[in-house]
Amino acid sequence: MLIEQLKLPEVPFGPYSISRLIAGGNPPHGGSHQTHLMNTHMREYFTLDGTVEFLRRCREQGINTWQSSYSQKTEDALTRFREEGGEMQFICLCSPDGVADEQAFAKVLKLKPMGVAFHGEVTDRIWRAGKIDTAVDTLARIRDAGVLVGLSTHNPEVIEYSLLHRRERLGHRFLYGMR
């Protein structure tokens, strides 16, 4: 596949270089944050073929990284896109259960993600429950798999907490790019 691509500015991300704009997984997975009807329309539009075309169009516009939750459609679309000659870096959003389950985590790693991060809604939920420290073992398992580790959130307090406690409690990078 030969794609004429635009070149967006890129930034360093660990050992990688990512476009300053990355594609998200909400459109193909029907996550509009609006209405159930909108979610349904998005899922109907983003068939497997539609998702592969989405990735192709992202690359044409200079986007070189896709962040998405793992699903069979994610695996199928990314695999097909790459088999057709497309190049797309991948950051997988996950839950602690998805990392703890050996078979599920193996499927994620088969996609050769540059990083794996807690899904923001999962992080927010364990923060509200007062259980953010339960993330430590999961984040360590991700790091031990040899990929970048991340903690997505919609709550600035989680970022502040992770920065304050990353050395004393976590002993490893809690957020992307933190040392």
Foldseek 3Di string as FASTA:
>chain_A
DDAAADAADWDDFPPDTFHPDAAEACQCQQNPVPDPVSSVVSVVCNDLVNLLVVLSVCRNHRGAEYEYADDVSVLSSLVVNVVVPHHHAYEYEDALVQQPPVVSVVSVCVSVHQEYEHDAVRCVVCVVVVNNLVCQVSQVSRVVVPHFYAYHHPDVVVVVVCVVCVVPRRVDDHHTPDD
